[in-house]
C-alpha atoms as a PDB file:
ATOM      1  CA  UNK A   1      40.626   8.593  11.651  1.00  0.00           C
ATOM      2  CA  UNK A   2      39.319   5.891   9.320  1.00  0.00           C
ATOM      3  CA  UNK A   3      35.691   4.705   9.663  1.00  0.00           C
ATOM      4  CA  UNK A   4      35.154   1.143  10.834  1.00  0.00           C
ATOM      5  CA  UNK A   5      33.308  -1.517   8.871  1.00  0.00           C
ATOM      6  CA  UNK A   6      29.717  -1.881  10.090  1.00  0.00           C
ATOM      7  CA  UNK A   7      28.299  -5.281   9.168  1.00  0.00           C
ATOM      8  CA  UNK A   8      24.675  -6.389   9.117  1.00  0.00           C
ATOM      9  CA  UNK A   9      23.155  -9.724   8.204  1.00  0.00           C
ATOM     10  CA  UNK A  10      19.714  -9.107   6.716  1.00  0.00           C
ATOM     11  CA  UNK A  11      17.006 -11.493   5.555  1.00  0.00           C
ATOM     12  CA  UNK A  12      13.354 -11.639   4.564  1.00  0.00           C
ATOM     13  CA  UNK A  13      10.641 -13.601   2.793  1.00  0.00           C
ATOM     14  CA  UNK A  14      10.352 -11.364  -0.275  1.00  0.00           C
ATOM     15  CA  UNK A  15      12.264  -8.564  -1.999  1.00  0.00           C
ATOM     16  CA  UNK A  16      11.980  -6.476  -5.146  1.00  0.00           C
ATOM     17  CA  UNK A  17      14.818  -4.232  -6.319  1.00  0.00           C
ATOM     18  CA  UNK A  18      13.220  -2.894  -9.482  1.00  0.00           C
ATOM     19  CA  UNK A  19      15.251  -2.291 -12.594  1.00  0.00           C
ATOM     20  CA  UNK A  20      14.696   1.408 -13.464  1.00  0.00           C
ATOM     21  CA  UNK A  21      14.561   0.741 -17.212  1.00  0.00           C
ATOM     22  CA  UNK A  22      11.312  -1.213 -16.749  1.00  0.00           C
ATOM     23  CA  UNK A  23       8.609   1.453 -16.423  1.00  0.00           C
ATOM     24  CA  UNK A  24       5.432  -0.639 -16.127  1.00  0.00           C
ATOM     25  CA  UNK A  25       6.057  -4.081 -14.650  1.00  0.00           C
ATOM     26  CA  UNK A  26       8.337  -4.671 -11.673  1.00  0.00           C
ATOM     27  CA  UNK A  27      11.272  -6.996 -12.374  1.00  0.00           C
ATOM     28  CA  UNK A  28      13.860  -7.305  -9.631  1.00  0.00           C
ATOM     29  CA  UNK A  29      17.622  -7.377  -9.955  1.00  0.00           C
ATOM     30  CA  UNK A  30      18.882 -10.782  -8.749  1.00  0.00           C
ATOM     31  CA  UNK A  31      20.332  -9.201  -5.586  1.00  0.00           C
ATOM     32  CA  UNK A  32      19.993  -6.117  -3.417  1.00  0.00           C
ATOM     33  CA  UNK A  33      21.190  -2.795  -4.846  1.00  0.00           C
ATOM     34  CA  UNK A  34      23.561  -0.424  -2.985  1.00  0.00           C
ATOM     35  CA  UNK A  35      20.669   2.043  -2.751  1.00  0.00           C
ATOM     36  CA  UNK A  36      18.413  -0.464  -0.993  1.00  0.00           C
ATOM     37  CA  UNK A  37      21.280  -1.547   1.275  1.00  0.00           C
ATOM     38  CA  UNK A  38      21.915   2.087   2.236  1.00  0.00           C
ATOM     39  CA  UNK A  39      18.205   2.423   3.007  1.00  0.00           C
ATOM     40  CA  UNK A  40      18.438  -0.404   5.550  1.00  0.00           C
ATOM     41  CA  UNK A  41      21.286   1.361   7.380  1.00  0.00           C
ATOM     42  CA  UNK A  42      19.359   4.652   7.268  1.00  0.00           C
ATOM     43  CA  UNK A  43      16.313   2.906   8.754  1.00  0.00           C
ATOM     44  CA  UNK A  44      18.410   1.863  11.749  1.00  0.00           C
ATOM     45  CA  UNK A  45      20.273   5.125  12.267  1.00  0.00           C
ATOM     46  CA  UNK A  46      20.424   8.462  10.518  1.00  0.00           C
ATOM     47  CA  UNK A  47      20.929  11.674  12.462  1.00  0.00           C
ATOM     48  CA  UNK A  48      19.751  15.076  11.250  1.00  0.00           C
ATOM     49  CA  UNK A  49      21.738  18.222  12.012  1.00  0.00           C
ATOM     50  CA  UNK A  50      20.513  20.466  14.850  1.00  0.00           C
ATOM     51  CA  UNK A  51      18.615  22.719  12.469  1.00  0.00           C
ATOM     52  CA  UNK A  52      16.946  19.636  10.977  1.00  0.00           C
ATOM     53  CA  UNK A  53      17.774  20.553   7.381  1.00  0.00           C
ATOM     54  CA  UNK A  54      20.087  17.643   6.557  1.00  0.00           C
ATOM     55  CA  UNK A  55      21.907  14.636   7.993  1.00  0.00           C
ATOM     56  CA  UNK A  56      25.227  14.719   9.855  1.00  0.00           C
ATOM     57  CA  UNK A  57      26.560  11.849   7.741  1.00  0.00           C
ATOM     58  CA  UNK A  58      25.797   9.404   4.980  1.00  0.00           C
ATOM     59  CA  UNK A  59      26.296   5.667   4.643  1.00  0.00           C
ATOM     60  CA  UNK A  60      28.727   4.300   2.058  1.00  0.00           C
ATOM     61  CA  UNK A  61      27.958   0.671   1.226  1.00  0.00           C
ATOM     62  CA  UNK A  62      31.210  -1.123   0.402  1.00  0.00           C
ATOM     63  CA  UNK A  63      30.381  -4.800  -0.025  1.00  0.00           C
ATOM     64  CA  UNK A  64      27.362  -7.071  -0.440  1.00  0.00           C
ATOM     65  CA  UNK A  65      27.634 -10.809   0.248  1.00  0.00           C
ATOM     66  CA  UNK A  66      24.889 -13.083  -1.069  1.00  0.00           C
ATOM     67  CA  UNK A  67      24.059 -15.823   1.457  1.00  0.00           C
ATOM     68  CA  UNK A  68      21.079 -17.466  -0.302  1.00  0.00           C
ATOM     69  CA  UNK A  69      20.709 -18.498  -3.932  1.00  0.00           C
ATOM     70  CA  UNK A  70      18.589 -15.943  -5.856  1.00  0.00           C
ATOM     71  CA  UNK A  71      15.128 -17.319  -6.565  1.00  0.00           C
ATOM     72  CA  UNK A  72      12.249 -15.512  -8.301  1.00  0.00           C
ATOM     73  CA  UNK A  73       8.531 -15.585  -7.613  1.00  0.00           C
ATOM     74  CA  UNK A  74       5.752 -14.013  -9.711  1.00  0.00           C
ATOM     75  CA  UNK A  75       3.336 -11.783  -7.772  1.00  0.00           C
ATOM     76  CA  UNK A  76       0.461  -9.478  -8.685  1.00  0.00           C
ATOM     77  CA  UNK A  77       0.424  -6.386  -6.499  1.00  0.00           C
ATOM     78  CA  UNK A  78      -1.946  -3.457  -6.077  1.00  0.00           C
ATOM     79  CA  UNK A  79      -0.197  -0.090  -6.182  1.00  0.00           C
ATOM     80  CA  UNK A  80      -1.892   3.207  -5.373  1.00  0.00           C
ATOM     81  CA  UNK A  81      -1.400   5.893  -8.008  1.00  0.00           C
ATOM     82  CA  UNK A  82      -1.261   8.756  -5.522  1.00  0.00           C
ATOM     83  CA  UNK A  83       1.957   9.770  -3.758  1.00  0.00           C
ATOM     84  CA  UNK A  84       2.365  10.371  -0.040  1.00  0.00           C
ATOM     85  CA  UNK A  85       2.316  14.074   0.872  1.00  0.00           C
ATOM     86  CA  UNK A  86       5.358  15.985   2.099  1.00  0.00           C
ATOM     87  CA  UNK A  87       6.485  15.968   5.739  1.00  0.00           C
ATOM     88  CA  UNK A  88       5.233  19.553   6.068  1.00  0.00           C
ATOM     89  CA  UNK A  89       1.694  18.596   5.065  1.00  0.00           C
ATOM     90  CA  UNK A  90       1.702  15.545   7.345  1.00  0.00           C
ATOM     91  CA  UNK A  91       2.752  17.736  10.279  1.00  0.00           C
ATOM     92  CA  UNK A  92      -0.116  20.117   9.441  1.00  0.00           C
ATOM     93  CA  UNK A  93      -2.523  17.165   9.520  1.00  0.00           C
ATOM     94  CA  UNK A  94      -1.160  16.107  12.906  1.00  0.00           C
ATOM     95  CA  UNK A  95      -1.456  19.590  14.382  1.00  0.00           C
ATOM     96  CA  UNK A  96      -4.959  20.150  13.015  1.00  0.00           C
ATOM     97  CA  UNK A  97      -3.876  23.068  10.809  1.00  0.00           C
ATOM     98  CA  UNK A  98      -5.077  21.213   7.741  1.00  0.00           C
ATOM     99  CA  UNK A  99      -7.826  18.694   7.073  1.00  0.00           C
ATOM    100  CA  UNK A 100      -6.387  15.212   6.380  1.00  0.00           C
ATOM    101  CA  UNK A 101      -6.852  13.954   2.834  1.00  0.00           C
ATOM    102  CA  UNK A 102      -6.992  10.162   2.331  1.00  0.00           C
ATOM    103  CA  UNK A 103      -5.059   8.317  -0.350  1.00  0.00           C
ATOM    104  CA  UNK A 104      -7.751   6.497  -2.287  1.00  0.00           C
ATOM    105  CA  UNK A 105      -7.300   2.874  -3.268  1.00  0.00           C
ATOM    106  CA  UNK A 106     -10.848   2.697  -4.688  1.00  0.00           C
ATOM    107  CA  UNK A 107     -13.957   4.847  -4.793  1.00  0.00           C
ATOM    108  CA  UNK A 108     -12.475   8.120  -6.064  1.00  0.00           C
ATOM    109  CA  UNK A 109     -13.909   9.832  -9.145  1.00  0.00           C
ATOM    110  CA  UNK A 110     -10.469  11.242  -9.975  1.00  0.00           C
ATOM    111  CA  UNK A 111      -8.819   9.046 -12.636  1.00  0.00           C
ATOM    112  CA  UNK A 112      -5.380  10.045 -11.341  1.00  0.00           C
ATOM    113  CA  UNK A 113      -6.176   8.367  -8.014  1.00  0.00           C
ATOM    114  CA  UNK A 114      -7.063   4.811  -7.107  1.00  0.00           C
ATOM    115  CA  UNK A 115      -4.980   1.693  -7.628  1.00  0.00           C
ATOM    116  CA  UNK A 116      -3.409  -0.202 -10.451  1.00  0.00           C
ATOM    117  CA  UNK A 117      -2.395  -3.848 -10.628  1.00  0.00           C
ATOM    118  CA  UNK A 118       1.173  -4.634 -11.626  1.00  0.00           C
ATOM    119  CA  UNK A 119       2.887  -7.925 -12.316  1.00  0.00           C
ATOM    120  CA  UNK A 120       5.981  -8.255 -10.125  1.00  0.00           C
ATOM    121  CA  UNK A 121       8.893 -10.640 -10.522  1.00  0.00           C
ATOM    122  CA  UNK A 122      10.199 -10.557  -6.965  1.00  0.00           C
ATOM    123  CA  UNK A 123      12.849 -12.493  -5.068  1.00  0.00           C
ATOM    124  CA  UNK A 124      11.971 -14.906  -2.277  1.00  0.00           C
ATOM    125  CA  UNK A 125      13.822 -16.070   0.833  1.00  0.00           C
ATOM    126  CA  UNK A 126      16.650 -13.554   0.523  1.00  0.00           C
ATOM    127  CA  UNK A 127      19.623 -13.245   2.858  1.00  0.00           C
ATOM    128  CA  UNK A 128      22.617 -10.924   2.583  1.00  0.00           C
ATOM    129  CA  UNK A 129      25.556  -9.714   4.629  1.00  0.00           C
ATOM    130  CA  UNK A 130      26.025  -5.985   4.139  1.00  0.00           C
ATOM    131  CA  UNK A 131      29.136  -3.918   4.786  1.00  0.00           C
ATOM    132  CA  UNK A 132      29.086  -0.122   5.082  1.00  0.00           C
ATOM    133  CA  UNK A 133      31.014   2.742   6.655  1.00  0.00           C
ATOM    134  CA  UNK A 134      29.943   6.063   8.129  1.00  0.00           C
ATOM    135  CA  UNK A 135      30.915   9.036   5.976  1.00  0.00           C
ATOM    136  CA  UNK A 136      30.357  12.187   8.061  1.00  0.00           C
ATOM    137  CA  UNK A 137      30.038  15.553   6.379  1.00  0.00           C
ATOM    138  CA  UNK A 138      33.087  17.791   6.981  1.00  0.00           C
ATOM    139  CA  UNK A 139      31.553  19.864   9.803  1.00  0.00           C
ATOM    140  CA  UNK A 140      30.717  16.659  11.727  1.00  0.00           C
ATOM    141  CA  UNK A 141      33.987  14.762  11.149  1.00  0.00           C
ATOM    142  CA  UNK A 142      34.833  14.876  14.862  1.00  0.00           C
ATOM    143  CA  UNK A 143      31.664  12.910  15.630  1.00  0.00           C
ATOM    144  CA  UNK A 144      32.661   9.785  13.697  1.00  0.00           C
ATOM    145  CA  UNK A 145      33.257   7.577  16.738  1.00  0.00           C
ATOM    146  CA  UNK A 146      30.085   8.768  18.466  1.00  0.00           C
ATOM    147  CA  UNK A 147      28.004   8.074  15.354  1.00  0.00           C
ATOM    148  CA  UNK A 148      29.475   4.588  14.986  1.00  0.00           C
ATOM    149  CA  UNK A 149      28.880   3.798  18.669  1.00  0.00           C
ATOM    150  CA  UNK A 150      25.262   4.956  18.481  1.00  0.00           C
ATOM    151  CA  UNK A 151      24.627   2.847  15.382  1.00  0.00           C
ATOM    152  CA  UNK A 152      26.089  -0.248  17.031  1.00  0.00           C
ATOM    153  CA  UNK A 153      23.976   0.257  20.159  1.00  0.00           C
ATOM    154  CA  UNK A 154      20.831   0.570  18.091  1.00  0.00           C
ATOM    155  CA  UNK A 155      21.582  -2.277  15.666  1.00  0.00           C
ATOM    156  CA  UNK A 156      22.777  -4.551  18.480  1.00  0.00           C
ATOM    157  CA  UNK A 157      19.460  -4.219  20.310  1.00  0.00           C
ATOM    158  CA  UNK A 158      17.242  -4.388  17.213  1.00  0.00           C
ATOM    159  CA  UNK A 159      16.193  -0.733  17.287  1.00  0.00           C
ATOM    160  CA  UNK A 160      15.242   1.127  14.122  1.00  0.00           C
ATOM    161  CA  UNK A 161      13.623   4.427  13.192  1.00  0.00           C
ATOM    162  CA  UNK A 162      11.225   2.580  10.893  1.00  0.00           C
ATOM    163  CA  UNK A 163      10.997  -1.015   9.699  1.00  0.00           C
ATOM    164  CA  UNK A 164      13.751  -1.656   7.106  1.00  0.00           C
ATOM    165  CA  UNK A 165      12.480  -3.140   3.871  1.00  0.00           C
ATOM    166  CA  UNK A 166      13.670  -4.859   0.713  1.00  0.00           C
ATOM    167  CA  UNK A 167      12.749  -2.468  -2.091  1.00  0.00           C
ATOM    168  CA  UNK A 168       9.021  -2.263  -1.255  1.00  0.00           C
ATOM    169  CA  UNK A 169       7.625  -1.412   2.167  1.00  0.00           C
ATOM    170  CA  UNK A 170       5.444  -4.526   2.197  1.00  0.00           C
ATOM    171  CA  UNK A 171       8.632  -6.649   2.082  1.00  0.00           C
ATOM    172  CA  UNK A 172      10.140  -6.176   5.588  1.00  0.00           C
ATOM    173  CA  UNK A 173      13.848  -6.764   6.178  1.00  0.00           C
ATOM    174  CA  UNK A 174      15.053  -8.271   9.441  1.00  0.00           C
ATOM    175  CA  UNK A 175      18.586  -7.562  10.621  1.00  0.00           C
ATOM    176  CA  UNK A 176      21.316  -8.607  13.029  1.00  0.00           C
ATOM    177  CA  UNK A 177      24.536  -6.777  13.845  1.00  0.00           C
ATOM    178  CA  UNK A 178      27.626  -8.879  13.130  1.00  0.00           C
ATOM    179  CA  UNK A 179      30.461  -8.283  15.573  1.00  0.00           C
ATOM    180  CA  UNK A 180      34.102  -8.174  14.357  1.00  0.00           C
ATOM    181  CA  UNK A 181      35.638 -11.643  14.280  1.00  0.00           C
ATOM    182  CA  UNK A 182      32.278 -13.423  14.523  1.00  0.00           C
ATOM    183  CA  UNK A 183      31.940 -16.867  12.989  1.00  0.00           C
ATOM    184  CA  UNK A 184      29.755 -16.319   9.905  1.00  0.00           C
ATOM    185  CA  UNK A 185      28.566 -18.409   7.000  1.00  0.00           C
ATOM    186  CA  UNK A 186      30.452 -17.957   3.723  1.00  0.00           C
ATOM    187  CA  UNK A 187      28.806 -16.384   0.661  1.00  0.00           C
ATOM    188  CA  UNK A 188      27.276 -18.785  -1.850  1.00  0.00           C
ATOM    189  CA  UNK A 189      29.254 -19.978  -4.862  1.00  0.00           C
ATOM    190  CA  UNK A 190      27.702 -17.670  -7.445  1.00  0.00           C
ATOM    191  CA  UNK A 191      29.229 -15.651 -10.259  1.00  0.00           C
ATOM    192  CA  UNK A 192      27.146 -13.252 -12.337  1.00  0.00           C
ATOM    193  CA  UNK A 193      27.671 -10.269 -14.615  1.00  0.00           C
ATOM    194  CA  UNK A 194      24.684  -8.107 -13.763  1.00  0.00           C
ATOM    195  CA  UNK A 195      25.618  -5.256 -16.106  1.00  0.00           C
ATOM    196  CA  UNK A 196      24.454  -1.684 -15.421  1.00  0.00           C
ATOM    197  CA  UNK A 197      22.918  -1.631 -11.950  1.00  0.00           C
ATOM    198  CA  UNK A 198      21.252   1.131  -9.963  1.00  0.00           C
ATOM    199  CA  UNK A 199      23.726   2.631  -7.503  1.00  0.00           C
ATOM    200  CA  UNK A 200      21.497   5.254  -5.899  1.00  0.00           C
ATOM    201  CA  UNK A 201      18.628   7.609  -6.618  1.00  0.00           C
ATOM    202  CA  UNK A 202      20.053  10.609  -4.708  1.00  0.00           C
ATOM    203  CA  UNK A 203      23.153  12.766  -4.972  1.00  0.00           C
ATOM    204  CA  UNK A 204      25.478  11.346  -2.310  1.00  0.00           C
ATOM    205  CA  UNK A 205      28.108  14.044  -2.818  1.00  0.00           C
ATOM    206  CA  UNK A 206      26.262  16.530  -0.580  1.00  0.00           C
ATOM    207  CA  UNK A 207      23.875  16.477   2.393  1.00  0.00           C
ATOM    208  CA  UNK A 208      20.359  15.591   1.334  1.00  0.00           C
ATOM    209  CA  UNK A 209      17.195  17.493   2.133  1.00  0.00           C
ATOM    210  CA  UNK A 210      13.522  16.508   2.167  1.00  0.00           C
ATOM    211  CA  UNK A 211      12.936  18.201  -1.182  1.00  0.00           C
ATOM    212  CA  UNK A 212      16.168  17.073  -2.890  1.00  0.00           C
ATOM    213  CA  UNK A 213      15.551  16.043  -6.521  1.00  0.00           C
ATOM    214  CA  UNK A 214      16.254  12.529  -7.756  1.00  0.00           C
ATOM    215  CA  UNK A 215      19.724  11.963  -9.234  1.00  0.00           C
ATOM    216  CA  UNK A 216      20.124   8.429 -10.562  1.00  0.00           C
ATOM    217  CA  UNK A 217      23.600   6.866 -10.664  1.00  0.00           C
ATOM    218  CA  UNK A 218      24.644   3.484 -12.100  1.00  0.00           C
ATOM    219  CA  UNK A 219      27.627   1.139 -12.024  1.00  0.00           C
ATOM    220  CA  UNK A 220      28.712  -2.042 -13.780  1.00  0.00           C
ATOM    221  CA  UNK A 221      27.954  -4.799 -11.272  1.00  0.00           C
ATOM    222  CA  UNK A 222      29.759  -8.145 -11.241  1.00  0.00           C
ATOM    223  CA  UNK A 223      29.298 -10.806  -8.565  1.00  0.00           C
ATOM    224  CA  UNK A 224      32.256 -13.097  -7.927  1.00  0.00           C
ATOM    225  CA  UNK A 225      32.054 -15.920  -5.411  1.00  0.00           C
ATOM    226  CA  UNK A 226      28.782 -14.522  -4.101  1.00  0.00           C
ATOM    227  CA  UNK A 227      30.335 -11.111  -3.390  1.00  0.00           C
ATOM    228  CA  UNK A 228      29.517  -7.755  -4.986  1.00  0.00           C
ATOM    229  CA  UNK A 229      32.230  -5.166  -4.352  1.00  0.00           C
ATOM    230  CA  UNK A 230      30.603  -1.716  -4.333  1.00  0.00           C
ATOM    231  CA  UNK A 231      32.788   1.165  -5.562  1.00  0.00           C
ATOM    232  CA  UNK A 232      32.900   4.457  -3.686  1.00  0.00           C
ATOM    233  CA  UNK A 233      30.311   6.952  -4.902  1.00  0.00           C
ATOM    234  CA  UNK A 234      33.068   9.339  -6.004  1.00  0.00           C
ATOM    235  CA  UNK A 235      34.817   6.614  -8.016  1.00  0.00           C
ATOM    236  CA  UNK A 236      34.960   6.838 -11.800  1.00  0.00           C
ATOM    237  CA  UNK A 237      33.288   3.400 -11.785  1.00  0.00           C
ATOM    238  CA  UNK A 238      30.016   5.099 -10.762  1.00  0.00           C
ATOM    239  CA  UNK A 239      28.214   6.733 -13.679  1.00  0.00           C
ATOM    240  CA  UNK A 240      26.421   9.897 -12.573  1.00  0.00           C
ATOM    241  CA  UNK A 241      25.354  13.195 -14.138  1.00  0.00           C
ATOM    242  CA  UNK A 242      27.795  16.012 -13.426  1.00  0.00           C
ATOM    243  CA  UNK A 243      30.464  15.968 -10.723  1.00  0.00           C
ATOM    244  CA  UNK A 244      30.495  16.170  -6.968  1.00  0.00           C
ATOM    245  CA  UNK A 245      32.834  17.122  -4.149  1.00  0.00           C
ATOM    246  CA  UNK A 246      34.154  14.375  -1.901  1.00  0.00           C
ATOM    247  CA  UNK A 247      32.756  14.128   1.604  1.00  0.00           C
END
């Protein structure tokens, strides 16, 4: 059974899809990356296995349609240096097993903590139409239709696990489920050779876990007629370290 195309129209006031080669300042790609698009679908629906160790499926983004002309805006943002703790530590805080430790923006004597100001070249007034399919892991292949139905129920009523966002959590993404055959606006007339673009920051060839290491993959992105066709993760068009079994 082939997965069905799940289409979302997403929009927001600001977005920043940072180029990974820029280590200090934040400079956004001119459109959303497949990784960020996958994150929006995950925010609406992702289902862990019964033992809670990994997901039953992953999202494969297939197509990105640009509905608003890319436009940049310069911002100065405060970023905290500290990282959020693991889920295990947060659960210990919630249960009272461990004393909560704040993330300091100011006032800490530790030089590794606090905040830093970064110049950000972000996008403004973004709007995209995203296409993706459910790719269940082999042991959950018989649940494809149930997974798709649950996603459509959630997306159709505006439900999400957490607020989707465009690259940074302070840039919320709003979404609407597009039904098959719906009358939609066409993509903008825009052609661009983006060059090497971030595909994802995780290994999509196997179920992920909370402590899975980063595994950056890239692809050569070209926009034609306002449309970015996204190759399958297992395609030779996606540059990634090592190999990976198909899901």
